[in-house]
């Protein structure tokens, strides 16, 4: 039995219809039309697979295996999807997607006892302990990035082919490397570690807070009148590790106008901790006072200049070596501490 009913702008009750097919035709309908099916097991079927339900509101529907090309909500209204009677996904009016939250503030917001996103593929398996997690552990405020697999965690920029850093399965951090070297160190780099140009000093005795290599210009001078020299060799090098400076200089001169005793200025870092003499010195051309021999020199506390000293052969107080105005040479290497 088939019945055709023309809809009017009011309610149509089909509860009195017998079994069969009832075709509803809506022609020139204005206002709201309500269709009440007689029982929960009754079915509303489209005439063909291409039939559409447009701009209509279904209240608490149960839809079996639908093909849906789009879902939309009314203006200024969020779109929600429920599971087991509870809102699972919310798309806000700002087009932010919330999972477990009805008020997402970002393009994707995830909320839960463990606010994790799990990522899986065909190689990881699909269990709770497979793949990778990223999120905030329940009961904490700390971000967690977890690789559940016995494999690396790698970081890339400018494309997948450009790996910059990785944490391997043993917990070693490798920068610019894809496999650890034989040292077994937990932190390994391919191109060295750069310290800031200005040291950020640490009071921790186990912290290396500075490393620097460089050159400097040693200058021969007199203690009374500095004068100027004519040099054929004037080089200086240093390596600074923490507060320890390894120093070297070489000076060769053919003439000098200074007076007084000999000093060399221009050390790259001032000394610290009292007068220091950890230097090996080679000299040529200098003239000592009678019955004196060279005994190294002193880099005064807080000073950047080294003074060359002599000591009497039989012992006694040391004194400065007179600056030599003819052909001369001094080479020095050693270690001192700076602040």
C-alpha atoms as a PDB file:
ATOM      1  CA  UNK A   1       0.000   0.000   0.000  1.00  0.00           C
ATOM      2  CA  UNK A   2       1.386   3.415  -0.957  1.00  0.00           C
ATOM      3  CA  UNK A   3       0.117   6.795   0.124  1.00  0.00           C
ATOM      4  CA  UNK A   4       1.111  10.235  -1.108  1.00  0.00           C
ATOM      5  CA  UNK A   5       0.723  13.125   1.352  1.00  0.00           C
ATOM      6  CA  UNK A   6       1.221  16.773   0.499  1.00  0.00           C
ATOM      7  CA  UNK A   7       2.836  18.724   3.392  1.00  0.00           C
ATOM      8  CA  UNK A   8       1.211  21.876   4.693  1.00  0.00           C
ATOM      9  CA  UNK A   9       2.761  24.363   7.131  1.00  0.00           C
ATOM     10  CA  UNK A  10       1.761  22.350  10.207  1.00  0.00           C
ATOM     11  CA  UNK A  11       2.335  18.940  11.806  1.00  0.00           C
ATOM     12  CA  UNK A  12       1.527  15.669  10.004  1.00  0.00           C
ATOM     13  CA  UNK A  13       1.042  12.572  12.154  1.00  0.00           C
ATOM     14  CA  UNK A  14       1.740   9.287  10.303  1.00  0.00           C
ATOM     15  CA  UNK A  15       0.831   7.107  13.297  1.00  0.00           C
ATOM     16  CA  UNK A  16      -2.345   5.962  11.627  1.00  0.00           C
ATOM     17  CA  UNK A  17      -0.676   4.832   8.411  1.00  0.00           C
ATOM     18  CA  UNK A  18      -0.523   1.198   7.539  1.00  0.00           C
ATOM     19  CA  UNK A  19       2.604  -0.601   6.409  1.00  0.00           C
ATOM     20  CA  UNK A  20       3.957   0.268   3.021  1.00  0.00           C
ATOM     21  CA  UNK A  21       5.535   3.311   1.480  1.00  0.00           C
ATOM     22  CA  UNK A  22       4.381   6.857   2.168  1.00  0.00           C
ATOM     23  CA  UNK A  23       5.725   9.585  -0.074  1.00  0.00           C
ATOM     24  CA  UNK A  24       5.857  13.121   1.321  1.00  0.00           C
ATOM     25  CA  UNK A  25       5.880  15.976  -1.151  1.00  0.00           C
ATOM     26  CA  UNK A  26       6.609  19.479   0.116  1.00  0.00           C
ATOM     27  CA  UNK A  27       5.231  22.072  -2.303  1.00  0.00           C
ATOM     28  CA  UNK A  28       5.233  25.764  -1.527  1.00  0.00           C
ATOM     29  CA  UNK A  29       5.570  25.100   2.208  1.00  0.00           C
ATOM     30  CA  UNK A  30       6.280  28.116   4.391  1.00  0.00           C
ATOM     31  CA  UNK A  31       6.993  27.924   8.097  1.00  0.00           C
ATOM     32  CA  UNK A  32       7.965  24.831  10.134  1.00  0.00           C
ATOM     33  CA  UNK A  33       6.915  21.305   9.259  1.00  0.00           C
ATOM     34  CA  UNK A  34       7.205  18.479  11.786  1.00  0.00           C
ATOM     35  CA  UNK A  35       7.156  14.815  10.807  1.00  0.00           C
ATOM     36  CA  UNK A  36       6.369  12.337  13.584  1.00  0.00           C
ATOM     37  CA  UNK A  37       7.059   8.663  12.832  1.00  0.00           C
ATOM     38  CA  UNK A  38       4.862   6.188  14.668  1.00  0.00           C
ATOM     39  CA  UNK A  39       7.542   4.051  16.305  1.00  0.00           C
ATOM     40  CA  UNK A  40      11.269   4.097  17.095  1.00  0.00           C
ATOM     41  CA  UNK A  41      11.851   1.318  14.607  1.00  0.00           C
ATOM     42  CA  UNK A  42      10.313   3.205  11.699  1.00  0.00           C
ATOM     43  CA  UNK A  43      12.678   4.366   9.001  1.00  0.00           C
ATOM     44  CA  UNK A  44      12.817   7.563   6.993  1.00  0.00           C
ATOM     45  CA  UNK A  45      14.269   6.649   3.604  1.00  0.00           C
ATOM     46  CA  UNK A  46      15.275   8.895   0.750  1.00  0.00           C
ATOM     47  CA  UNK A  47      13.943   8.216  -2.710  1.00  0.00           C
ATOM     48  CA  UNK A  48      17.443   7.697  -4.083  1.00  0.00           C
ATOM     49  CA  UNK A  49      21.050   7.628  -2.882  1.00  0.00           C
ATOM     50  CA  UNK A  50      21.435  11.210  -4.064  1.00  0.00           C
ATOM     51  CA  UNK A  51      18.603  12.573  -1.927  1.00  0.00           C
ATOM     52  CA  UNK A  52      19.720  15.251   0.526  1.00  0.00           C
ATOM     53  CA  UNK A  53      18.432  16.747   3.746  1.00  0.00           C
ATOM     54  CA  UNK A  54      19.344  20.414   3.552  1.00  0.00           C
ATOM     55  CA  UNK A  55      19.081  23.142   6.184  1.00  0.00           C
ATOM     56  CA  UNK A  56      17.115  20.891   8.536  1.00  0.00           C
ATOM     57  CA  UNK A  57      17.624  20.208  12.221  1.00  0.00           C
ATOM     58  CA  UNK A  58      17.585  16.656  13.567  1.00  0.00           C
ATOM     59  CA  UNK A  59      17.234  16.444  17.335  1.00  0.00           C
ATOM     60  CA  UNK A  60      19.110  13.505  18.932  1.00  0.00           C
ATOM     61  CA  UNK A  61      19.040  11.398  15.756  1.00  0.00           C
ATOM     62  CA  UNK A  62      20.522   7.938  15.353  1.00  0.00           C
ATOM     63  CA  UNK A  63      21.906   7.724  11.819  1.00  0.00           C
ATOM     64  CA  UNK A  64      23.177   4.388  10.528  1.00  0.00           C
ATOM     65  CA  UNK A  65      26.069   4.268   7.982  1.00  0.00           C
ATOM     66  CA  UNK A  66      25.467   7.706   6.521  1.00  0.00           C
ATOM     67  CA  UNK A  67      27.416   9.329   3.726  1.00  0.00           C
ATOM     68  CA  UNK A  68      27.973  12.912   4.841  1.00  0.00           C
ATOM     69  CA  UNK A  69      29.713  15.439   2.633  1.00  0.00           C
ATOM     70  CA  UNK A  70      29.729  18.214   5.225  1.00  0.00           C
ATOM     71  CA  UNK A  71      28.539  19.127   8.698  1.00  0.00           C
ATOM     72  CA  UNK A  72      27.780  22.642   9.770  1.00  0.00           C
ATOM     73  CA  UNK A  73      26.291  24.467  12.710  1.00  0.00           C
ATOM     74  CA  UNK A  74      24.045  27.469  12.889  1.00  0.00           C
ATOM     75  CA  UNK A  75      25.599  30.912  12.946  1.00  0.00           C
ATOM     76  CA  UNK A  76      27.419  31.727  16.226  1.00  0.00           C
ATOM     77  CA  UNK A  77      26.987  28.116  17.355  1.00  0.00           C
ATOM     78  CA  UNK A  78      29.732  25.541  17.960  1.00  0.00           C
ATOM     79  CA  UNK A  79      29.629  22.185  16.189  1.00  0.00           C
ATOM     80  CA  UNK A  80      29.835  19.211  18.533  1.00  0.00           C
ATOM     81  CA  UNK A  81      30.185  15.454  18.119  1.00  0.00           C
ATOM     82  CA  UNK A  82      29.175  13.103  20.907  1.00  0.00           C
ATOM     83  CA  UNK A  83      30.207   9.599  21.866  1.00  0.00           C
ATOM     84  CA  UNK A  84      28.176   7.558  24.395  1.00  0.00           C
ATOM     85  CA  UNK A  85      26.156  10.662  25.223  1.00  0.00           C
ATOM     86  CA  UNK A  86      29.222  12.800  26.036  1.00  0.00           C
ATOM     87  CA  UNK A  87      30.643  15.577  23.883  1.00  0.00           C
ATOM     88  CA  UNK A  88      33.915  14.249  22.465  1.00  0.00           C
ATOM     89  CA  UNK A  89      34.828  16.848  19.821  1.00  0.00           C
ATOM     90  CA  UNK A  90      33.940  20.527  19.661  1.00  0.00           C
ATOM     91  CA  UNK A  91      34.588  22.884  16.773  1.00  0.00           C
ATOM     92  CA  UNK A  92      34.234  26.371  18.199  1.00  0.00           C
ATOM     93  CA  UNK A  93      32.893  29.391  16.358  1.00  0.00           C
ATOM     94  CA  UNK A  94      36.542  30.450  15.952  1.00  0.00           C
ATOM     95  CA  UNK A  95      37.169  27.122  14.137  1.00  0.00           C
ATOM     96  CA  UNK A  96      39.330  25.785  16.963  1.00  0.00           C
ATOM     97  CA  UNK A  97      39.013  22.020  17.479  1.00  0.00           C
ATOM     98  CA  UNK A  98      38.728  20.696  21.017  1.00  0.00           C
ATOM     99  CA  UNK A  99      39.100  17.052  22.010  1.00  0.00           C
ATOM    100  CA  UNK A 100      37.884  16.515  25.558  1.00  0.00           C
ATOM    101  CA  UNK A 101      37.182  20.232  25.966  1.00  0.00           C
ATOM    102  CA  UNK A 102      34.241  22.334  24.833  1.00  0.00           C
ATOM    103  CA  UNK A 103      36.240  25.570  24.900  1.00  0.00           C
ATOM    104  CA  UNK A 104      39.322  25.095  22.678  1.00  0.00           C
ATOM    105  CA  UNK A 105      41.638  28.110  22.570  1.00  0.00           C
ATOM    106  CA  UNK A 106      44.045  26.935  19.867  1.00  0.00           C
ATOM    107  CA  UNK A 107      43.604  25.304  16.429  1.00  0.00           C
ATOM    108  CA  UNK A 108      43.836  21.971  18.289  1.00  0.00           C
ATOM    109  CA  UNK A 109      43.302  21.657  22.063  1.00  0.00           C
ATOM    110  CA  UNK A 110      43.427  18.288  23.838  1.00  0.00           C
ATOM    111  CA  UNK A 111      42.249  17.820  27.407  1.00  0.00           C
ATOM    112  CA  UNK A 112      42.081  14.728  29.560  1.00  0.00           C
ATOM    113  CA  UNK A 113      43.473  12.943  32.589  1.00  0.00           C
ATOM    114  CA  UNK A 114      46.594  12.474  30.442  1.00  0.00           C
ATOM    115  CA  UNK A 115      46.511  15.162  27.776  1.00  0.00           C
ATOM    116  CA  UNK A 116      48.472  13.104  25.263  1.00  0.00           C
ATOM    117  CA  UNK A 117      48.270  12.771  21.516  1.00  0.00           C
ATOM    118  CA  UNK A 118      49.359   9.303  20.357  1.00  0.00           C
ATOM    119  CA  UNK A 119      50.940   8.833  16.936  1.00  0.00           C
ATOM    120  CA  UNK A 120      51.128   5.389  15.313  1.00  0.00           C
ATOM    121  CA  UNK A 121      51.938   3.768  12.002  1.00  0.00           C
ATOM    122  CA  UNK A 122      52.056   0.277  10.523  1.00  0.00           C
ATOM    123  CA  UNK A 123      55.451  -0.413  12.120  1.00  0.00           C
ATOM    124  CA  UNK A 124      54.678   0.604  15.694  1.00  0.00           C
ATOM    125  CA  UNK A 125      51.598  -1.433  16.483  1.00  0.00           C
ATOM    126  CA  UNK A 126      48.382   0.053  17.866  1.00  0.00           C
ATOM    127  CA  UNK A 127      48.578  -0.603  21.619  1.00  0.00           C
ATOM    128  CA  UNK A 128      48.698   1.869  24.467  1.00  0.00           C
ATOM    129  CA  UNK A 129      52.475   1.393  24.762  1.00  0.00           C
ATOM    130  CA  UNK A 130      53.184   1.768  21.040  1.00  0.00           C
ATOM    131  CA  UNK A 131      54.181   4.712  18.891  1.00  0.00           C
ATOM    132  CA  UNK A 132      54.922   8.136  20.299  1.00  0.00           C
ATOM    133  CA  UNK A 133      53.145  10.476  22.728  1.00  0.00           C
ATOM    134  CA  UNK A 134      53.267  14.214  23.122  1.00  0.00           C
ATOM    135  CA  UNK A 135      51.334  16.056  25.815  1.00  0.00           C
ATOM    136  CA  UNK A 136      51.058  16.952  29.482  1.00  0.00           C
ATOM    137  CA  UNK A 137      51.212  14.113  31.996  1.00  0.00           C
ATOM    138  CA  UNK A 138      48.226  13.879  34.339  1.00  0.00           C
ATOM    139  CA  UNK A 139      48.821  15.573  37.691  1.00  0.00           C
ATOM    140  CA  UNK A 140      51.746  17.623  36.326  1.00  0.00           C
ATOM    141  CA  UNK A 141      52.309  20.761  34.281  1.00  0.00           C
ATOM    142  CA  UNK A 142      55.356  19.472  32.412  1.00  0.00           C
ATOM    143  CA  UNK A 143      55.460  18.757  28.694  1.00  0.00           C
ATOM    144  CA  UNK A 144      56.339  15.171  27.796  1.00  0.00           C
ATOM    145  CA  UNK A 145      57.583  13.933  24.431  1.00  0.00           C
ATOM    146  CA  UNK A 146      57.729  10.141  24.619  1.00  0.00           C
ATOM    147  CA  UNK A 147      59.008   7.658  22.085  1.00  0.00           C
ATOM    148  CA  UNK A 148      57.563   4.330  23.193  1.00  0.00           C
ATOM    149  CA  UNK A 149      59.678   2.462  20.649  1.00  0.00           C
ATOM    150  CA  UNK A 150      63.318   1.372  21.049  1.00  0.00           C
ATOM    151  CA  UNK A 151      64.465   3.871  18.427  1.00  0.00           C
ATOM    152  CA  UNK A 152      65.776   7.402  17.968  1.00  0.00           C
ATOM    153  CA  UNK A 153      64.035  10.725  18.406  1.00  0.00           C
ATOM    154  CA  UNK A 154      65.298  13.077  15.711  1.00  0.00           C
ATOM    155  CA  UNK A 155      64.877  16.792  14.991  1.00  0.00           C
ATOM    156  CA  UNK A 156      64.905  18.271  11.493  1.00  0.00           C
ATOM    157  CA  UNK A 157      64.774  21.711   9.887  1.00  0.00           C
ATOM    158  CA  UNK A 158      64.206  22.787   6.288  1.00  0.00           C
ATOM    159  CA  UNK A 159      62.905  19.377   5.292  1.00  0.00           C
ATOM    160  CA  UNK A 160      63.035  15.792   6.484  1.00  0.00           C
ATOM    161  CA  UNK A 161      66.400  15.239   4.788  1.00  0.00           C
ATOM    162  CA  UNK A 162      68.125  17.742   7.080  1.00  0.00           C
ATOM    163  CA  UNK A 163      68.488  16.107  10.470  1.00  0.00           C
ATOM    164  CA  UNK A 164      70.054  18.483  13.009  1.00  0.00           C
ATOM    165  CA  UNK A 165      69.926  16.595  16.287  1.00  0.00           C
ATOM    166  CA  UNK A 166      68.845  13.253  17.680  1.00  0.00           C
ATOM    167  CA  UNK A 167      68.468  11.416  20.966  1.00  0.00           C
ATOM    168  CA  UNK A 168      69.350   7.807  20.377  1.00  0.00           C
ATOM    169  CA  UNK A 169      67.737   4.799  22.035  1.00  0.00           C
ATOM    170  CA  UNK A 170      70.451   4.840  24.737  1.00  0.00           C
ATOM    171  CA  UNK A 171      69.726   8.461  25.688  1.00  0.00           C
ATOM    172  CA  UNK A 172      72.795  10.018  24.042  1.00  0.00           C
ATOM    173  CA  UNK A 173      72.284  13.499  22.571  1.00  0.00           C
ATOM    174  CA  UNK A 174      73.936  13.764  19.160  1.00  0.00           C
ATOM    175  CA  UNK A 175      74.181  17.157  17.442  1.00  0.00           C
ATOM    176  CA  UNK A 176      75.132  16.958  13.777  1.00  0.00           C
ATOM    177  CA  UNK A 177      75.745  13.212  14.136  1.00  0.00           C
ATOM    178  CA  UNK A 178      73.583  10.222  13.261  1.00  0.00           C
ATOM    179  CA  UNK A 179      75.637   7.670  15.190  1.00  0.00           C
ATOM    180  CA  UNK A 180      77.708   8.010  18.386  1.00  0.00           C
ATOM    181  CA  UNK A 181      81.496   7.986  18.366  1.00  0.00           C
ATOM    182  CA  UNK A 182      83.542   5.502  20.354  1.00  0.00           C
ATOM    183  CA  UNK A 183      83.884   7.793  23.390  1.00  0.00           C
ATOM    184  CA  UNK A 184      80.430   6.804  24.585  1.00  0.00           C
ATOM    185  CA  UNK A 185      79.795  10.326  25.916  1.00  0.00           C
ATOM    186  CA  UNK A 186      76.162  11.270  26.539  1.00  0.00           C
ATOM    187  CA  UNK A 187      76.589  14.555  24.632  1.00  0.00           C
ATOM    188  CA  UNK A 188      78.377  14.501  21.279  1.00  0.00           C
ATOM    189  CA  UNK A 189      78.686  17.180  18.586  1.00  0.00           C
ATOM    190  CA  UNK A 190      80.101  17.239  15.083  1.00  0.00           C
ATOM    191  CA  UNK A 191      81.503  20.785  14.973  1.00  0.00           C
ATOM    192  CA  UNK A 192      82.494  21.831  18.472  1.00  0.00           C
ATOM    193  CA  UNK A 193      80.833  23.886  21.191  1.00  0.00           C
ATOM    194  CA  UNK A 194      80.771  27.695  21.079  1.00  0.00           C
ATOM    195  CA  UNK A 195      80.937  29.718  24.286  1.00  0.00           C
ATOM    196  CA  UNK A 196      79.692  33.331  24.419  1.00  0.00           C
ATOM    197  CA  UNK A 197      82.185  36.085  23.617  1.00  0.00           C
ATOM    198  CA  UNK A 198      81.640  37.455  27.131  1.00  0.00           C
ATOM    199  CA  UNK A 199      82.055  34.766  29.771  1.00  0.00           C
ATOM    200  CA  UNK A 200      79.011  33.915  31.862  1.00  0.00           C
ATOM    201  CA  UNK A 201      80.902  32.929  34.982  1.00  0.00           C
ATOM    202  CA  UNK A 202      79.682  30.060  37.158  1.00  0.00           C
ATOM    203  CA  UNK A 203      80.468  29.497  40.826  1.00  0.00           C
ATOM    204  CA  UNK A 204      80.087  25.749  40.391  1.00  0.00           C
ATOM    205  CA  UNK A 205      83.509  24.086  40.480  1.00  0.00           C
ATOM    206  CA  UNK A 206      82.296  21.371  38.081  1.00  0.00           C
ATOM    207  CA  UNK A 207      80.977  23.721  35.394  1.00  0.00           C
ATOM    208  CA  UNK A 208      83.080  24.706  32.389  1.00  0.00           C
ATOM    209  CA  UNK A 209      81.876  28.227  31.648  1.00  0.00           C
ATOM    210  CA  UNK A 210      84.417  29.453  29.099  1.00  0.00           C
ATOM    211  CA  UNK A 211      86.730  28.302  26.328  1.00  0.00           C
ATOM    212  CA  UNK A 212      88.578  30.655  24.022  1.00  0.00           C
ATOM    213  CA  UNK A 213      91.524  30.553  21.631  1.00  0.00           C
ATOM    214  CA  UNK A 214      93.129  33.652  20.180  1.00  0.00           C
ATOM    215  CA  UNK A 215      96.112  35.833  19.448  1.00  0.00           C
ATOM    216  CA  UNK A 216      97.449  38.946  21.129  1.00  0.00           C
ATOM    217  CA  UNK A 217     100.207  41.479  20.540  1.00  0.00           C
ATOM    218  CA  UNK A 218     103.038  41.501  23.100  1.00  0.00           C
ATOM    219  CA  UNK A 219     104.843  44.823  23.524  1.00  0.00           C
ATOM    220  CA  UNK A 220     108.316  45.269  25.040  1.00  0.00           C
ATOM    221  CA  UNK A 221     108.508  48.310  27.292  1.00  0.00           C
ATOM    222  CA  UNK A 222     110.710  49.938  29.911  1.00  0.00           C
ATOM    223  CA  UNK A 223     109.432  50.458  33.456  1.00  0.00           C
ATOM    224  CA  UNK A 224     110.685  54.083  33.593  1.00  0.00           C
ATOM    225  CA  UNK A 225     110.029  55.112  29.993  1.00  0.00           C
ATOM    226  CA  UNK A 226     108.016  52.692  27.874  1.00  0.00           C
ATOM    227  CA  UNK A 227     109.715  53.633  24.593  1.00  0.00           C
ATOM    228  CA  UNK A 228     109.131  51.933  21.251  1.00  0.00           C
ATOM    229  CA  UNK A 229     110.767  48.935  19.623  1.00  0.00           C
ATOM    230  CA  UNK A 230     111.698  47.862  16.127  1.00  0.00           C
ATOM    231  CA  UNK A 231     110.439  44.268  15.830  1.00  0.00           C
ATOM    232  CA  UNK A 232     111.129  41.469  13.376  1.00  0.00           C
ATOM    233  CA  UNK A 233     109.036  39.002  15.438  1.00  0.00           C
ATOM    234  CA  UNK A 234     106.047  40.058  17.570  1.00  0.00           C
ATOM    235  CA  UNK A 235     103.547  37.226  18.105  1.00  0.00           C
ATOM    236  CA  UNK A 236     101.328  36.086  20.949  1.00  0.00           C
ATOM    237  CA  UNK A 237      98.893  33.172  21.344  1.00  0.00           C
ATOM    238  CA  UNK A 238      96.630  31.989  24.158  1.00  0.00           C
ATOM    239  CA  UNK A 239      94.094  29.338  25.107  1.00  0.00           C
ATOM    240  CA  UNK A 240      91.680  30.069  27.927  1.00  0.00           C
ATOM    241  CA  UNK A 241      89.814  27.193  29.619  1.00  0.00           C
ATOM    242  CA  UNK A 242      87.607  28.362  32.426  1.00  0.00           C
ATOM    243  CA  UNK A 243      89.817  30.623  34.550  1.00  0.00           C
ATOM    244  CA  UNK A 244      93.109  29.091  33.363  1.00  0.00           C
ATOM    245  CA  UNK A 245      95.116  30.796  30.595  1.00  0.00           C
ATOM    246  CA  UNK A 246      97.890  29.076  28.667  1.00  0.00           C
ATOM    247  CA  UNK A 247     100.053  31.819  27.197  1.00  0.00           C
ATOM    248  CA  UNK A 248     102.890  32.118  24.666  1.00  0.00           C
ATOM    249  CA  UNK A 249     104.730  35.049  23.144  1.00  0.00           C
ATOM    250  CA  UNK A 250     107.876  35.660  21.075  1.00  0.00           C
ATOM    251  CA  UNK A 251     109.606  39.028  20.617  1.00  0.00           C
ATOM    252  CA  UNK A 252     112.677  39.805  18.529  1.00  0.00           C
ATOM    253  CA  UNK A 253     113.813  43.408  18.247  1.00  0.00           C
ATOM    254  CA  UNK A 254     116.759  45.270  16.730  1.00  0.00           C
ATOM    255  CA  UNK A 255     116.360  48.562  18.614  1.00  0.00           C
ATOM    256  CA  UNK A 256     114.366  50.009  21.494  1.00  0.00           C
ATOM    257  CA  UNK A 257     114.058  53.421  23.127  1.00  0.00           C
ATOM    258  CA  UNK A 258     112.702  52.410  26.548  1.00  0.00           C
ATOM    259  CA  UNK A 259     114.475  52.975  29.870  1.00  0.00           C
ATOM    260  CA  UNK A 260     114.363  51.233  33.214  1.00  0.00           C
ATOM    261  CA  UNK A 261     113.876  47.501  33.606  1.00  0.00           C
ATOM    262  CA  UNK A 262     112.209  45.043  31.205  1.00  0.00           C
ATOM    263  CA  UNK A 263     108.513  44.332  31.005  1.00  0.00           C
ATOM    264  CA  UNK A 264     106.119  42.927  28.398  1.00  0.00           C
ATOM    265  CA  UNK A 265     102.593  44.349  28.232  1.00  0.00           C
ATOM    266  CA  UNK A 266      99.373  43.371  26.476  1.00  0.00           C
ATOM    267  CA  UNK A 267      98.542  40.036  28.145  1.00  0.00           C
ATOM    268  CA  UNK A 268      94.977  39.143  27.061  1.00  0.00           C
ATOM    269  CA  UNK A 269      93.589  38.614  30.591  1.00  0.00           C
ATOM    270  CA  UNK A 270      94.509  40.112  33.931  1.00  0.00           C
ATOM    271  CA  UNK A 271      95.948  37.746  36.520  1.00  0.00           C
ATOM    272  CA  UNK A 272      94.247  36.726  39.730  1.00  0.00           C
ATOM    273  CA  UNK A 273      95.462  35.402  43.062  1.00  0.00           C
ATOM    274  CA  UNK A 274      98.823  37.016  43.809  1.00  0.00           C
ATOM    275  CA  UNK A 275     102.114  37.316  41.889  1.00  0.00           C
ATOM    276  CA  UNK A 276     102.502  34.340  39.573  1.00  0.00           C
ATOM    277  CA  UNK A 277     105.624  32.901  37.954  1.00  0.00           C
ATOM    278  CA  UNK A 278     104.647  29.668  36.118  1.00  0.00           C
ATOM    279  CA  UNK A 279     106.631  30.642  33.020  1.00  0.00           C
ATOM    280  CA  UNK A 280     109.445  29.126  31.014  1.00  0.00           C
ATOM    281  CA  UNK A 281     111.577  31.917  29.516  1.00  0.00           C
ATOM    282  CA  UNK A 282     114.205  31.985  26.768  1.00  0.00           C
ATOM    283  CA  UNK A 283     116.222  35.180  26.312  1.00  0.00           C
ATOM    284  CA  UNK A 284     118.935  36.417  23.984  1.00  0.00           C
ATOM    285  CA  UNK A 285     120.897  39.646  24.053  1.00  0.00           C
ATOM    286  CA  UNK A 286     119.807  40.875  27.459  1.00  0.00           C
ATOM    287  CA  UNK A 287     122.459  42.227  29.824  1.00  0.00           C
ATOM    288  CA  UNK A 288     122.193  41.278  33.501  1.00  0.00           C
ATOM    289  CA  UNK A 289     123.651  43.159  36.415  1.00  0.00           C
ATOM    290  CA  UNK A 290     127.024  41.839  37.650  1.00  0.00           C
ATOM    291  CA  UNK A 291     126.855  38.419  39.291  1.00  0.00           C
ATOM    292  CA  UNK A 292     123.164  37.999  38.476  1.00  0.00           C
ATOM    293  CA  UNK A 293     121.259  35.409  36.443  1.00  0.00           C
ATOM    294  CA  UNK A 294     117.717  35.393  35.066  1.00  0.00           C
ATOM    295  CA  UNK A 295     115.065  33.868  37.317  1.00  0.00           C
ATOM    296  CA  UNK A 296     111.896  34.178  35.250  1.00  0.00           C
ATOM    297  CA  UNK A 297     109.521  36.981  36.025  1.00  0.00           C
ATOM    298  CA  UNK A 298     106.306  38.096  37.702  1.00  0.00           C
ATOM    299  CA  UNK A 299     102.819  38.710  36.403  1.00  0.00           C
ATOM    300  CA  UNK A 300     101.453  40.934  39.151  1.00  0.00           C
ATOM    301  CA  UNK A 301      98.056  40.409  40.768  1.00  0.00           C
ATOM    302  CA  UNK A 302      95.354  41.979  38.597  1.00  0.00           C
ATOM    303  CA  UNK A 303      97.960  42.895  35.994  1.00  0.00           C
ATOM    304  CA  UNK A 304      98.285  42.334  32.240  1.00  0.00           C
ATOM    305  CA  UNK A 305     102.059  42.939  32.138  1.00  0.00           C
ATOM    306  CA  UNK A 306     104.951  40.627  32.908  1.00  0.00           C
ATOM    307  CA  UNK A 307     108.220  41.895  34.407  1.00  0.00           C
ATOM    308  CA  UNK A 308     111.515  40.123  33.799  1.00  0.00           C
ATOM    309  CA  UNK A 309     113.694  39.550  36.905  1.00  0.00           C
ATOM    310  CA  UNK A 310     117.223  38.516  37.828  1.00  0.00           C
ATOM    311  CA  UNK A 311     118.693  37.115  41.057  1.00  0.00           C
ATOM    312  CA  UNK A 312     122.265  37.250  42.477  1.00  0.00           C
ATOM    313  CA  UNK A 313     124.355  34.136  41.841  1.00  0.00           C
ATOM    314  CA  UNK A 314     124.883  33.494  45.541  1.00  0.00           C
ATOM    315  CA  UNK A 315     121.269  34.171  46.400  1.00  0.00           C
ATOM    316  CA  UNK A 316     119.466  37.276  47.571  1.00  0.00           C
ATOM    317  CA  UNK A 317     116.675  39.561  46.500  1.00  0.00           C
ATOM    318  CA  UNK A 318     115.598  39.586  42.871  1.00  0.00           C
ATOM    319  CA  UNK A 319     115.518  42.753  40.798  1.00  0.00           C
ATOM    320  CA  UNK A 320     114.388  43.822  37.364  1.00  0.00           C
ATOM    321  CA  UNK A 321     116.598  43.194  34.325  1.00  0.00           C
ATOM    322  CA  UNK A 322     117.587  46.443  32.550  1.00  0.00           C
ATOM    323  CA  UNK A 323     115.835  46.781  29.186  1.00  0.00           C
ATOM    324  CA  UNK A 324     118.186  46.032  26.302  1.00  0.00           C
ATOM    325  CA  UNK A 325     118.207  48.616  23.520  1.00  0.00           C
ATOM    326  CA  UNK A 326     120.212  46.558  21.028  1.00  0.00           C
ATOM    327  CA  UNK A 327     119.339  43.257  19.326  1.00  0.00           C
ATOM    328  CA  UNK A 328     117.356  41.086  21.704  1.00  0.00           C
ATOM    329  CA  UNK A 329     114.904  38.217  21.928  1.00  0.00           C
ATOM    330  CA  UNK A 330     112.471  36.868  24.542  1.00  0.00           C
ATOM    331  CA  UNK A 331     110.214  33.829  24.259  1.00  0.00           C
ATOM    332  CA  UNK A 332     107.874  32.815  27.067  1.00  0.00           C
ATOM    333  CA  UNK A 333     105.308  30.082  27.644  1.00  0.00           C
ATOM    334  CA  UNK A 334     103.341  29.221  30.737  1.00  0.00           C
ATOM    335  CA  UNK A 335     100.039  29.112  32.574  1.00  0.00           C
ATOM    336  CA  UNK A 336      98.343  31.604  34.844  1.00  0.00           C
ATOM    337  CA  UNK A 337      94.928  32.099  36.370  1.00  0.00           C
ATOM    338  CA  UNK A 338      92.521  34.914  35.716  1.00  0.00           C
ATOM    339  CA  UNK A 339      89.354  36.010  37.507  1.00  0.00           C
END
